[in-house]
Amino acid sequence: QIKEKISNPVIRDIAGISFVNGLIEDVMVCVAQCNPGKVNAALCTQAM
């Protein structure tokens, strides 16, 4: 639902994770689904 709120989203795939960038309410955001688990979460965070 957060991704769907992004205006003119730009998607970049890194290490199997899609990072969606753009504006929500004039605020620049980067949104990602890391998949469950600590390693997935750490991988996503460092890439972001």
ModelCIF file with pLDDT and N, C-alpha, C, O atoms, coordinates in Angstrom:
data_MODEL
#
_entry.id   MODEL 
#
_entity.id                         1 
_entity.type                       polymer 
_entity.pdbx_number_of_molecules   1 
#
_entity_poly.entity_id                      1 
_entity_poly.type                           'polypeptide(L)' 
_entity_poly.nstd_linkage                   no 
_entity_poly.nstd_monomer                   no 
_entity_poly.pdbx_seq_one_letter_code       QIKEKISNPVIRDIAGISFVNGLIEDVMVCVAQCNPGKVNAALCTQAM 
_entity_poly.pdbx_seq_one_letter_code_can   QIKEKISNPVIRDIAGISFVNGLIEDVMVCVAQCNPGKVNAALCTQAM 
_entity_poly.pdbx_strand_id                 A 
#
loop_
_entity_poly_seq.entity_id 
_entity_poly_seq.num 
_entity_poly_seq.mon_id 
_entity_poly_seq.hetero 
1 1  GLN n 
1 2  ILE n 
1 3  LYS n 
1 4  GLU n 
1 5  LYS n 
1 6  ILE n 
1 7  SER n 
1 8  ASN n 
1 9  PRO n 
1 10 VAL n 
1 11 ILE n 
1 12 ARG n 
1 13 ASP n 
1 14 ILE n 
1 15 ALA n 
1 16 GLY n 
1 17 ILE n 
1 18 SER n 
1 19 PHE n 
1 20 VAL n 
1 21 ASN n 
1 22 GLY n 
1 23 LEU n 
1 24 ILE n 
1 25 GLU n 
1 26 ASP n 
1 27 VAL n 
1 28 MET n 
1 29 VAL n 
1 30 CYS n 
1 31 VAL n 
1 32 ALA n 
1 33 GLN n 
1 34 CYS n 
1 35 ASN n 
1 36 PRO n 
1 37 GLY n 
1 38 LYS n 
1 39 VAL n 
1 40 ASN n 
1 41 ALA n 
1 42 ALA n 
1 43 LEU n 
1 44 CYS n 
1 45 THR n 
1 46 GLN n 
1 47 ALA n 
1 48 MET n 
#
_struct_asym.id          A 
_struct_asym.entity_id   1 
#
loop_
_ma_qa_metric.id 
_ma_qa_metric.mode 
_ma_qa_metric.name 
_ma_qa_metric.software_group_id 
_ma_qa_metric.type 
1 global pLDDT . pLDDT 
2 local  pLDDT . pLDDT 
#
_ma_qa_metric_global.metric_id      1 
_ma_qa_metric_global.metric_value   96.50 
_ma_qa_metric_global.model_id       1 
_ma_qa_metric_global.ordinal_id     1 
#
loop_
_ma_qa_metric_local.label_asym_id 
_ma_qa_metric_local.label_comp_id 
_ma_qa_metric_local.label_seq_id 
_ma_qa_metric_local.metric_id 
_ma_qa_metric_local.metric_value 
_ma_qa_metric_local.model_id 
_ma_qa_metric_local.ordinal_id 
A GLN 1  2 92.00 1 1  
A ILE 2  2 95.00 1 2  
A LYS 3  2 96.00 1 3  
A GLU 4  2 94.00 1 4  
A LYS 5  2 94.00 1 5  
A ILE 6  2 96.00 1 6  
A SER 7  2 94.00 1 7  
A ASN 8  2 92.00 1 8  
A PRO 9  2 96.00 1 9  
A VAL 10 2 97.00 1 10 
A ILE 11 2 97.00 1 11 
A ARG 12 2 97.00 1 12 
A ASP 13 2 98.00 1 13 
A ILE 14 2 98.00 1 14 
A ALA 15 2 96.00 1 15 
A GLY 16 2 96.00 1 16 
A ILE 17 2 97.00 1 17 
A SER 18 2 97.00 1 18 
A PHE 19 2 98.00 1 19 
A VAL 20 2 98.00 1 20 
A ASN 21 2 97.00 1 21 
A GLY 22 2 97.00 1 22 
A LEU 23 2 97.00 1 23 
A ILE 24 2 95.00 1 24 
A GLU 25 2 89.00 1 25 
A ASP 26 2 93.00 1 26 
A VAL 27 2 96.00 1 27 
A MET 28 2 97.00 1 28 
A VAL 29 2 98.00 1 29 
A CYS 30 2 98.00 1 30 
A VAL 31 2 98.00 1 31 
A ALA 32 2 98.00 1 32 
A GLN 33 2 97.00 1 33 
A CYS 34 2 97.00 1 34 
A ASN 35 2 95.00 1 35 
A PRO 36 2 97.00 1 36 
A GLY 37 2 97.00 1 37 
A LYS 38 2 98.00 1 38 
A VAL 39 2 98.00 1 39 
A ASN 40 2 98.00 1 40 
A ALA 41 2 98.00 1 41 
A ALA 42 2 98.00 1 42 
A LEU 43 2 98.00 1 43 
A CYS 44 2 98.00 1 44 
A THR 45 2 98.00 1 45 
A GLN 46 2 98.00 1 46 
A ALA 47 2 98.00 1 47 
A MET 48 2 98.00 1 48 
#
loop_
_atom_site.group_PDB 
_atom_site.id 
_atom_site.type_symbol 
_atom_site.label_atom_id 
_atom_site.label_alt_id 
_atom_site.label_comp_id 
_atom_site.label_asym_id 
_atom_site.label_entity_id 
_atom_site.label_seq_id 
_atom_site.pdbx_PDB_ins_code 
_atom_site.Cartn_x 
_atom_site.Cartn_y 
_atom_site.Cartn_z 
_atom_site.occupancy 
_atom_site.B_iso_or_equiv 
_atom_site.pdbx_formal_charge 
_atom_site.auth_seq_id 
_atom_site.auth_comp_id 
_atom_site.auth_asym_id 
_atom_site.auth_atom_id 
_atom_site.pdbx_PDB_model_num 
ATOM 1   N N  . GLN A 1 1  ? 0.827  -1.219  0.000   1.00 92.00 ? 1  GLN A N  1 
ATOM 2   C CA . GLN A 1 1  ? 0.000  0.000   0.000   1.00 92.00 ? 1  GLN A CA 1 
ATOM 3   C C  . GLN A 1 1  ? 0.857  1.264   0.000   1.00 92.00 ? 1  GLN A C  1 
ATOM 4   O O  . GLN A 1 1  ? 0.464  2.288   -0.559  1.00 92.00 ? 1  GLN A O  1 
ATOM 5   N N  . ILE A 1 2  ? 2.013  1.188   0.621   1.00 95.00 ? 2  ILE A N  1 
ATOM 6   C CA . ILE A 1 2  ? 2.916  2.339   0.638   1.00 95.00 ? 2  ILE A CA 1 
ATOM 7   C C  . ILE A 1 2  ? 3.499  2.555   -0.754  1.00 95.00 ? 2  ILE A C  1 
ATOM 8   O O  . ILE A 1 2  ? 3.561  3.686   -1.237  1.00 95.00 ? 2  ILE A O  1 
ATOM 9   N N  . LYS A 1 3  ? 3.925  1.476   -1.396  1.00 96.00 ? 3  LYS A N  1 
ATOM 10  C CA . LYS A 1 3  ? 4.460  1.591   -2.752  1.00 96.00 ? 3  LYS A CA 1 
ATOM 11  C C  . LYS A 1 3  ? 3.436  2.211   -3.699  1.00 96.00 ? 3  LYS A C  1 
ATOM 12  O O  . LYS A 1 3  ? 3.781  3.008   -4.572  1.00 96.00 ? 3  LYS A O  1 
ATOM 13  N N  . GLU A 1 4  ? 2.170  1.830   -3.512  1.00 94.00 ? 4  GLU A N  1 
ATOM 14  C CA . GLU A 1 4  ? 1.116  2.332   -4.399  1.00 94.00 ? 4  GLU A CA 1 
ATOM 15  C C  . GLU A 1 4  ? 0.880  3.833   -4.254  1.00 94.00 ? 4  GLU A C  1 
ATOM 16  O O  . GLU A 1 4  ? 0.293  4.460   -5.136  1.00 94.00 ? 4  GLU A O  1 
ATOM 17  N N  . LYS A 1 5  ? 1.337  4.408   -3.143  1.00 94.00 ? 5  LYS A N  1 
ATOM 18  C CA . LYS A 1 5  ? 1.168  5.847   -2.909  1.00 94.00 ? 5  LYS A CA 1 
ATOM 19  C C  . LYS A 1 5  ? 2.282  6.681   -3.540  1.00 94.00 ? 5  LYS A C  1 
ATOM 20  O O  . LYS A 1 5  ? 2.194  7.909   -3.564  1.00 94.00 ? 5  LYS A O  1 
ATOM 21  N N  . ILE A 1 6  ? 3.329  6.029   -4.050  1.00 96.00 ? 6  ILE A N  1 
ATOM 22  C CA . ILE A 1 6  ? 4.487  6.745   -4.568  1.00 96.00 ? 6  ILE A CA 1 
ATOM 23  C C  . ILE A 1 6  ? 4.186  7.321   -5.953  1.00 96.00 ? 6  ILE A C  1 
ATOM 24  O O  . ILE A 1 6  ? 3.720  6.612   -6.844  1.00 96.00 ? 6  ILE A O  1 
ATOM 25  N N  . SER A 1 7  ? 4.458  8.609   -6.118  1.00 94.00 ? 7  SER A N  1 
ATOM 26  C CA . SER A 1 7  ? 4.274  9.274   -7.406  1.00 94.00 ? 7  SER A CA 1 
ATOM 27  C C  . SER A 1 7  ? 5.471  8.993   -8.310  1.00 94.00 ? 7  SER A C  1 
ATOM 28  O O  . SER A 1 7  ? 6.620  9.089   -7.881  1.00 94.00 ? 7  SER A O  1 
ATOM 29  N N  . ASN A 1 8  ? 5.186  8.643   -9.573  1.00 92.00 ? 8  ASN A N  1 
ATOM 30  C CA . ASN A 1 8  ? 6.246  8.398   -10.559 1.00 92.00 ? 8  ASN A CA 1 
ATOM 31  C C  . ASN A 1 8  ? 7.361  7.523   -9.993  1.00 92.00 ? 8  ASN A C  1 
ATOM 32  O O  . ASN A 1 8  ? 8.519  7.941   -9.972  1.00 92.00 ? 8  ASN A O  1 
ATOM 33  N N  . PRO A 1 9  ? 7.034  6.326   -9.538  1.00 96.00 ? 9  PRO A N  1 
ATOM 34  C CA . PRO A 1 9  ? 8.033  5.476   -8.888  1.00 96.00 ? 9  PRO A CA 1 
ATOM 35  C C  . PRO A 1 9  ? 9.161  5.053   -9.835  1.00 96.00 ? 9  PRO A C  1 
ATOM 36  O O  . PRO A 1 9  ? 8.946  4.774   -11.015 1.00 96.00 ? 9  PRO A O  1 
ATOM 37  N N  . VAL A 1 10 ? 10.353 5.018   -9.275  1.00 97.00 ? 10 VAL A N  1 
ATOM 38  C CA . VAL A 1 10 ? 11.520 4.496   -9.984  1.00 97.00 ? 10 VAL A CA 1 
ATOM 39  C C  . VAL A 1 10 ? 11.969 3.247   -9.244  1.00 97.00 ? 10 VAL A C  1 
ATOM 40  O O  . VAL A 1 10 ? 12.228 3.283   -8.041  1.00 97.00 ? 10 VAL A O  1 
ATOM 41  N N  . ILE A 1 11 ? 12.058 2.141   -9.974  1.00 97.00 ? 11 ILE A N  1 
ATOM 42  C CA . ILE A 1 11 ? 12.378 0.856   -9.346  1.00 97.00 ? 11 ILE A CA 1 
ATOM 43  C C  . ILE A 1 11 ? 13.788 0.424   -9.741  1.00 97.00 ? 11 ILE A C  1 
ATOM 44  O O  . ILE A 1 11 ? 14.162 0.440   -10.913 1.00 97.00 ? 11 ILE A O  1 
ATOM 45  N N  . ARG A 1 12 ? 14.550 0.041   -8.728  1.00 97.00 ? 12 ARG A N  1 
ATOM 46  C CA . ARG A 1 12 ? 15.892 -0.467  -8.976  1.00 97.00 ? 12 ARG A CA 1 
ATOM 47  C C  . ARG A 1 12 ? 16.072 -1.775  -8.214  1.00 97.00 ? 12 ARG A C  1 
ATOM 48  O O  . ARG A 1 12 ? 15.853 -1.828  -7.004  1.00 97.00 ? 12 ARG A O  1 
ATOM 49  N N  . ASP A 1 13 ? 16.468 -2.819  -8.915  1.00 98.00 ? 13 ASP A N  1 
ATOM 50  C CA . ASP A 1 13 ? 16.669 -4.129  -8.294  1.00 98.00 ? 13 ASP A CA 1 
ATOM 51  C C  . ASP A 1 13 ? 18.130 -4.323  -7.924  1.00 98.00 ? 13 ASP A C  1 
ATOM 52  O O  . ASP A 1 13 ? 19.020 -4.184  -8.763  1.00 98.00 ? 13 ASP A O  1 
ATOM 53  N N  . ILE A 1 14 ? 18.366 -4.646  -6.663  1.00 98.00 ? 14 ILE A N  1 
ATOM 54  C CA . ILE A 1 14 ? 19.710 -4.906  -6.151  1.00 98.00 ? 14 ILE A CA 1 
ATOM 55  C C  . ILE A 1 14 ? 19.656 -6.156  -5.289  1.00 98.00 ? 14 ILE A C  1 
ATOM 56  O O  . ILE A 1 14 ? 18.859 -6.234  -4.353  1.00 98.00 ? 14 ILE A O  1 
ATOM 57  N N  . ALA A 1 15 ? 20.500 -7.133  -5.598  1.00 96.00 ? 15 ALA A N  1 
ATOM 58  C CA . ALA A 1 15 ? 20.599 -8.364  -4.806  1.00 96.00 ? 15 ALA A CA 1 
ATOM 59  C C  . ALA A 1 15 ? 19.241 -9.035  -4.619  1.00 96.00 ? 15 ALA A C  1 
ATOM 60  O O  . ALA A 1 15 ? 18.940 -9.567  -3.551  1.00 96.00 ? 15 ALA A O  1 
ATOM 61  N N  . GLY A 1 16 ? 18.429 -9.001  -5.669  1.00 96.00 ? 16 GLY A N  1 
ATOM 62  C CA . GLY A 1 16 ? 17.132 -9.658  -5.625  1.00 96.00 ? 16 GLY A CA 1 
ATOM 63  C C  . GLY A 1 16 ? 16.043 -8.887  -4.907  1.00 96.00 ? 16 GLY A C  1 
ATOM 64  O O  . GLY A 1 16 ? 14.945 -9.408  -4.708  1.00 96.00 ? 16 GLY A O  1 
ATOM 65  N N  . ILE A 1 17 ? 16.327 -7.655  -4.513  1.00 97.00 ? 17 ILE A N  1 
ATOM 66  C CA . ILE A 1 17 ? 15.361 -6.814  -3.797  1.00 97.00 ? 17 ILE A CA 1 
ATOM 67  C C  . ILE A 1 17 ? 15.005 -5.618  -4.672  1.00 97.00 ? 17 ILE A C  1 
ATOM 68  O O  . ILE A 1 17 ? 15.886 -4.972  -5.239  1.00 97.00 ? 17 ILE A O  1 
ATOM 69  N N  . SER A 1 18 ? 13.711 -5.326  -4.779  1.00 97.00 ? 18 SER A N  1 
ATOM 70  C CA . SER A 1 18 ? 13.257 -4.162  -5.533  1.00 97.00 ? 18 SER A CA 1 
ATOM 71  C C  . SER A 1 18 ? 13.128 -2.962  -4.606  1.00 97.00 ? 18 SER A C  1 
ATOM 72  O O  . SER A 1 18 ? 12.379 -2.996  -3.630  1.00 97.00 ? 18 SER A O  1 
ATOM 73  N N  . PHE A 1 19 ? 13.858 -1.911  -4.917  1.00 98.00 ? 19 PHE A N  1 
ATOM 74  C CA . PHE A 1 19 ? 13.802 -0.664  -4.164  1.00 98.00 ? 19 PHE A CA 1 
ATOM 75  C C  . PHE A 1 19 ? 12.982 0.332   -4.982  1.00 98.00 ? 19 PHE A C  1 
ATOM 76  O O  . PHE A 1 19 ? 13.332 0.654   -6.118  1.00 98.00 ? 19 PHE A O  1 
ATOM 77  N N  . VAL A 1 20 ? 11.893 0.812   -4.394  1.00 98.00 ? 20 VAL A N  1 
ATOM 78  C CA . VAL A 1 20 ? 10.979 1.715   -5.091  1.00 98.00 ? 20 VAL A CA 1 
ATOM 79  C C  . VAL A 1 20 ? 11.170 3.121   -4.529  1.00 98.00 ? 20 VAL A C  1 
ATOM 80  O O  . VAL A 1 20 ? 10.967 3.359   -3.338  1.00 98.00 ? 20 VAL A O  1 
ATOM 81  N N  . ASN A 1 21 ? 11.562 4.043   -5.400  1.00 97.00 ? 21 ASN A N  1 
ATOM 82  C CA . ASN A 1 21 ? 11.861 5.410   -4.985  1.00 97.00 ? 21 ASN A CA 1 
ATOM 83  C C  . ASN A 1 21 ? 10.874 6.391   -5.607  1.00 97.00 ? 21 ASN A C  1 
ATOM 84  O O  . ASN A 1 21 ? 10.409 6.195   -6.730  1.00 97.00 ? 21 ASN A O  1 
ATOM 85  N N  . GLY A 1 22 ? 10.563 7.442   -4.867  1.00 97.00 ? 22 GLY A N  1 
ATOM 86  C CA . GLY A 1 22 ? 9.684  8.479   -5.387  1.00 97.00 ? 22 GLY A CA 1 
ATOM 87  C C  . GLY A 1 22 ? 9.125  9.323   -4.256  1.00 97.00 ? 22 GLY A C  1 
ATOM 88  O O  . GLY A 1 22 ? 9.599  9.268   -3.121  1.00 97.00 ? 22 GLY A O  1 
ATOM 89  N N  . LEU A 1 23 ? 8.112  10.101  -4.587  1.00 97.00 ? 23 LEU A N  1 
ATOM 90  C CA . LEU A 1 23 ? 7.526  11.030  -3.628  1.00 97.00 ? 23 LEU A CA 1 
ATOM 91  C C  . LEU A 1 23 ? 6.187  10.535  -3.106  1.00 97.00 ? 23 LEU A C  1 
ATOM 92  O O  . LEU A 1 23 ? 5.346  10.050  -3.862  1.00 97.00 ? 23 LEU A O  1 
ATOM 93  N N  . ILE A 1 24 ? 6.007  10.667  -1.792  1.00 95.00 ? 24 ILE A N  1 
ATOM 94  C CA . ILE A 1 24 ? 4.696  10.547  -1.159  1.00 95.00 ? 24 ILE A CA 1 
ATOM 95  C C  . ILE A 1 24 ? 4.499  11.835  -0.366  1.00 95.00 ? 24 ILE A C  1 
ATOM 96  O O  . ILE A 1 24 ? 5.300  12.159  0.511   1.00 95.00 ? 24 ILE A O  1 
ATOM 97  N N  . GLU A 1 25 ? 3.433  12.564  -0.677  1.00 89.00 ? 25 GLU A N  1 
ATOM 98  C CA . GLU A 1 25 ? 3.171  13.827  0.026   1.00 89.00 ? 25 GLU A CA 1 
ATOM 99  C C  . GLU A 1 25 ? 4.385  14.765  -0.026  1.00 89.00 ? 25 GLU A C  1 
ATOM 100 O O  . GLU A 1 25 ? 4.706  15.444  0.949   1.00 89.00 ? 25 GLU A O  1 
ATOM 101 N N  . ASP A 1 26 ? 5.051  14.785  -1.189  1.00 93.00 ? 26 ASP A N  1 
ATOM 102 C CA . ASP A 1 26 ? 6.237  15.632  -1.396  1.00 93.00 ? 26 ASP A CA 1 
ATOM 103 C C  . ASP A 1 26 ? 7.427  15.229  -0.538  1.00 93.00 ? 26 ASP A C  1 
ATOM 104 O O  . ASP A 1 26 ? 8.384  15.991  -0.402  1.00 93.00 ? 26 ASP A O  1 
ATOM 105 N N  . VAL A 1 27 ? 7.371  14.043  0.036   1.00 96.00 ? 27 VAL A N  1 
ATOM 106 C CA . VAL A 1 27 ? 8.495  13.513  0.816   1.00 96.00 ? 27 VAL A CA 1 
ATOM 107 C C  . VAL A 1 27 ? 9.145  12.396  0.006   1.00 96.00 ? 27 VAL A C  1 
ATOM 108 O O  . VAL A 1 27 ? 8.459  11.474  -0.434  1.00 96.00 ? 27 VAL A O  1 
ATOM 109 N N  . MET A 1 28 ? 10.466 12.468  -0.198  1.00 97.00 ? 28 MET A N  1 
ATOM 110 C CA . MET A 1 28 ? 11.174 11.449  -0.952  1.00 97.00 ? 28 MET A CA 1 
ATOM 111 C C  . MET A 1 28 ? 11.358 10.200  -0.085  1.00 97.00 ? 28 MET A C  1 
ATOM 112 O O  . MET A 1 28 ? 11.865 10.272  1.034   1.00 97.00 ? 28 MET A O  1 
ATOM 113 N N  . VAL A 1 29 ? 10.934 9.055   -0.627  1.00 98.00 ? 29 VAL A N  1 
ATOM 114 C CA . VAL A 1 29 ? 11.025 7.798   0.117   1.00 98.00 ? 29 VAL A CA 1 
ATOM 115 C C  . VAL A 1 29 ? 11.683 6.734   -0.745  1.00 98.00 ? 29 VAL A C  1 
ATOM 116 O O  . VAL A 1 29 ? 11.681 6.807   -1.974  1.00 98.00 ? 29 VAL A O  1 
ATOM 117 N N  . CYS A 1 30 ? 12.242 5.747   -0.068  1.00 98.00 ? 30 CYS A N  1 
ATOM 118 C CA . CYS A 1 30 ? 12.737 4.521   -0.688  1.00 98.00 ? 30 CYS A CA 1 
ATOM 119 C C  . CYS A 1 30 ? 12.097 3.374   0.083   1.00 98.00 ? 30 CYS A C  1 
ATOM 120 O O  . CYS A 1 30 ? 12.316 3.228   1.285   1.00 98.00 ? 30 CYS A O  1 
ATOM 121 N N  . VAL A 1 31 ? 11.303 2.559   -0.614  1.00 98.00 ? 31 VAL A N  1 
ATOM 122 C CA . VAL A 1 31 ? 10.540 1.488   0.036   1.00 98.00 ? 31 VAL A CA 1 
ATOM 123 C C  . VAL A 1 31 ? 11.000 0.141   -0.502  1.00 98.00 ? 31 VAL A C  1 
ATOM 124 O O  . VAL A 1 31 ? 11.170 -0.028  -1.710  1.00 98.00 ? 31 VAL A O  1 
ATOM 125 N N  . ALA A 1 32 ? 11.201 -0.817  0.398   1.00 98.00 ? 32 ALA A N  1 
ATOM 126 C CA . ALA A 1 32 ? 11.664 -2.137  -0.023  1.00 98.00 ? 32 ALA A CA 1 
ATOM 127 C C  . ALA A 1 32 ? 11.012 -3.241  0.798   1.00 98.00 ? 32 ALA A C  1 
ATOM 128 O O  . ALA A 1 32 ? 10.753 -3.080  1.990   1.00 98.00 ? 32 ALA A O  1 
ATOM 129 N N  . GLN A 1 33 ? 10.752 -4.361  0.137   1.00 97.00 ? 33 GLN A N  1 
ATOM 130 C CA . GLN A 1 33 ? 10.324 -5.590  0.805   1.00 97.00 ? 33 GLN A CA 1 
ATOM 131 C C  . GLN A 1 33 ? 11.546 -6.488  0.917   1.00 97.00 ? 33 GLN A C  1 
ATOM 132 O O  . GLN A 1 33 ? 12.078 -6.957  -0.089  1.00 97.00 ? 33 GLN A O  1 
ATOM 133 N N  . CYS A 1 34 ? 11.988 -6.722  2.150   1.00 97.00 ? 34 CYS A N  1 
ATOM 134 C CA . CYS A 1 34 ? 13.247 -7.445  2.336   1.00 97.00 ? 34 CYS A CA 1 
ATOM 135 C C  . CYS A 1 34 ? 13.084 -8.961  2.344   1.00 97.00 ? 34 CYS A C  1 
ATOM 136 O O  . CYS A 1 34 ? 14.055 -9.686  2.128   1.00 97.00 ? 34 CYS A O  1 
ATOM 137 N N  . ASN A 1 35 ? 11.869 -9.451  2.591   1.00 95.00 ? 35 ASN A N  1 
ATOM 138 C CA . ASN A 1 35 ? 11.557 -10.864 2.848   1.00 95.00 ? 35 ASN A CA 1 
ATOM 139 C C  . ASN A 1 35 ? 11.946 -11.223 4.288   1.00 95.00 ? 35 ASN A C  1 
ATOM 140 O O  . ASN A 1 35 ? 12.851 -10.616 4.860   1.00 95.00 ? 35 ASN A O  1 
ATOM 141 N N  . PRO A 1 36 ? 11.255 -12.213 4.866   1.00 97.00 ? 36 PRO A N  1 
ATOM 142 C CA . PRO A 1 36 ? 11.453 -12.519 6.287   1.00 97.00 ? 36 PRO A CA 1 
ATOM 143 C C  . PRO A 1 36 ? 12.854 -13.030 6.617   1.00 97.00 ? 36 PRO A C  1 
ATOM 144 O O  . PRO A 1 36 ? 13.500 -13.694 5.806   1.00 97.00 ? 36 PRO A O  1 
ATOM 145 N N  . GLY A 1 37 ? 13.301 -12.705 7.820   1.00 97.00 ? 37 GLY A N  1 
ATOM 146 C CA . GLY A 1 37 ? 14.560 -13.227 8.317   1.00 97.00 ? 37 GLY A CA 1 
ATOM 147 C C  . GLY A 1 37 ? 15.626 -12.163 8.478   1.00 97.00 ? 37 GLY A C  1 
ATOM 148 O O  . GLY A 1 37 ? 15.618 -11.142 7.791   1.00 97.00 ? 37 GLY A O  1 
ATOM 149 N N  . LYS A 1 38 ? 16.548 -12.421 9.402   1.00 98.00 ? 38 LYS A N  1 
ATOM 150 C CA . LYS A 1 38 ? 17.555 -11.433 9.760   1.00 98.00 ? 38 LYS A CA 1 
ATOM 151 C C  . LYS A 1 38 ? 18.555 -11.162 8.644   1.00 98.00 ? 38 LYS A C  1 
ATOM 152 O O  . LYS A 1 38 ? 18.929 -10.010 8.424   1.00 98.00 ? 38 LYS A O  1 
ATOM 153 N N  . VAL A 1 39 ? 18.992 -12.193 7.938   1.00 98.00 ? 39 VAL A N  1 
ATOM 154 C CA . VAL A 1 39 ? 19.968 -11.984 6.865   1.00 98.00 ? 39 VAL A CA 1 
ATOM 155 C C  . VAL A 1 39 ? 19.332 -11.192 5.728   1.00 98.00 ? 39 VAL A C  1 
ATOM 156 O O  . VAL A 1 39 ? 19.947 -10.265 5.203   1.00 98.00 ? 39 VAL A O  1 
ATOM 157 N N  . ASN A 1 40 ? 18.115 -11.544 5.346   1.00 98.00 ? 40 ASN A N  1 
ATOM 158 C CA . ASN A 1 40 ? 17.410 -10.785 4.311   1.00 98.00 ? 40 ASN A CA 1 
ATOM 159 C C  . ASN A 1 40 ? 17.263 -9.318  4.708   1.00 98.00 ? 40 ASN A C  1 
ATOM 160 O O  . ASN A 1 40 ? 17.461 -8.417  3.893   1.00 98.00 ? 40 ASN A O  1 
ATOM 161 N N  . ALA A 1 41 ? 16.915 -9.098  5.968   1.00 98.00 ? 41 ALA A N  1 
ATOM 162 C CA . ALA A 1 41 ? 16.718 -7.735  6.458   1.00 98.00 ? 41 ALA A CA 1 
ATOM 163 C C  . ALA A 1 41 ? 18.025 -6.948  6.455   1.00 98.00 ? 41 ALA A C  1 
ATOM 164 O O  . ALA A 1 41 ? 18.050 -5.781  6.065   1.00 98.00 ? 41 ALA A O  1 
ATOM 165 N N  . ALA A 1 42 ? 19.102 -7.585  6.886   1.00 98.00 ? 42 ALA A N  1 
ATOM 166 C CA . ALA A 1 42 ? 20.405 -6.919  6.913   1.00 98.00 ? 42 ALA A CA 1 
ATOM 167 C C  . ALA A 1 42 ? 20.894 -6.611  5.504   1.00 98.00 ? 42 ALA A C  1 
ATOM 168 O O  . ALA A 1 42 ? 21.416 -5.527  5.245   1.00 98.00 ? 42 ALA A O  1 
ATOM 169 N N  . LEU A 1 43 ? 20.724 -7.571  4.593   1.00 98.00 ? 43 LEU A N  1 
ATOM 170 C CA . LEU A 1 43 ? 21.117 -7.371  3.196   1.00 98.00 ? 43 LEU A CA 1 
ATOM 171 C C  . LEU A 1 43 ? 20.390 -6.180  2.590   1.00 98.00 ? 43 LEU A C  1 
ATOM 172 O O  . LEU A 1 43 ? 21.001 -5.335  1.935   1.00 98.00 ? 43 LEU A O  1 
ATOM 173 N N  . CYS A 1 44 ? 19.085 -6.117  2.811   1.00 98.00 ? 44 CYS A N  1 
ATOM 174 C CA . CYS A 1 44 ? 18.263 -5.032  2.295   1.00 98.00 ? 44 CYS A CA 1 
ATOM 175 C C  . CYS A 1 44 ? 18.706 -3.689  2.874   1.00 98.00 ? 44 CYS A C  1 
ATOM 176 O O  . CYS A 1 44 ? 18.826 -2.704  2.146   1.00 98.00 ? 44 CYS A O  1 
ATOM 177 N N  . THR A 1 45 ? 18.945 -3.656  4.163   1.00 98.00 ? 45 THR A N  1 
ATOM 178 C CA . THR A 1 45 ? 19.306 -2.406  4.839   1.00 98.00 ? 45 THR A CA 1 
ATOM 179 C C  . THR A 1 45 ? 20.636 -1.868  4.339   1.00 98.00 ? 45 THR A C  1 
ATOM 180 O O  . THR A 1 45 ? 20.758 -0.676  4.056   1.00 98.00 ? 45 THR A O  1 
ATOM 181 N N  . GLN A 1 46 ? 21.638 -2.740  4.227   1.00 98.00 ? 46 GLN A N  1 
ATOM 182 C CA . GLN A 1 46 ? 22.944 -2.274  3.764   1.00 98.00 ? 46 GLN A CA 1 
ATOM 183 C C  . GLN A 1 46 ? 22.875 -1.798  2.315   1.00 98.00 ? 46 GLN A C  1 
ATOM 184 O O  . GLN A 1 46 ? 23.497 -0.798  1.955   1.00 98.00 ? 46 GLN A O  1 
ATOM 185 N N  . ALA A 1 47 ? 22.119 -2.515  1.485   1.00 98.00 ? 47 ALA A N  1 
ATOM 186 C CA . ALA A 1 47 ? 21.964 -2.088  0.087   1.00 98.00 ? 47 ALA A CA 1 
ATOM 187 C C  . ALA A 1 47 ? 21.264 -0.738  0.005   1.00 98.00 ? 47 ALA A C  1 
ATOM 188 O O  . ALA A 1 47 ? 21.637 0.111   -0.805  1.00 98.00 ? 47 ALA A O  1 
ATOM 189 N N  . MET A 1 48 ? 20.250 -0.541  0.842   1.00 98.00 ? 48 MET A N  1 
ATOM 190 C CA . MET A 1 48 ? 19.535 0.737   0.854   1.00 98.00 ? 48 MET A CA 1 
ATOM 191 C C  . MET A 1 48 ? 20.462 1.875   1.258   1.00 98.00 ? 48 MET A C  1 
ATOM 192 O O  . MET A 1 48 ? 20.033 3.027   1.323   1.00 98.00 ? 48 MET A O  1 
#
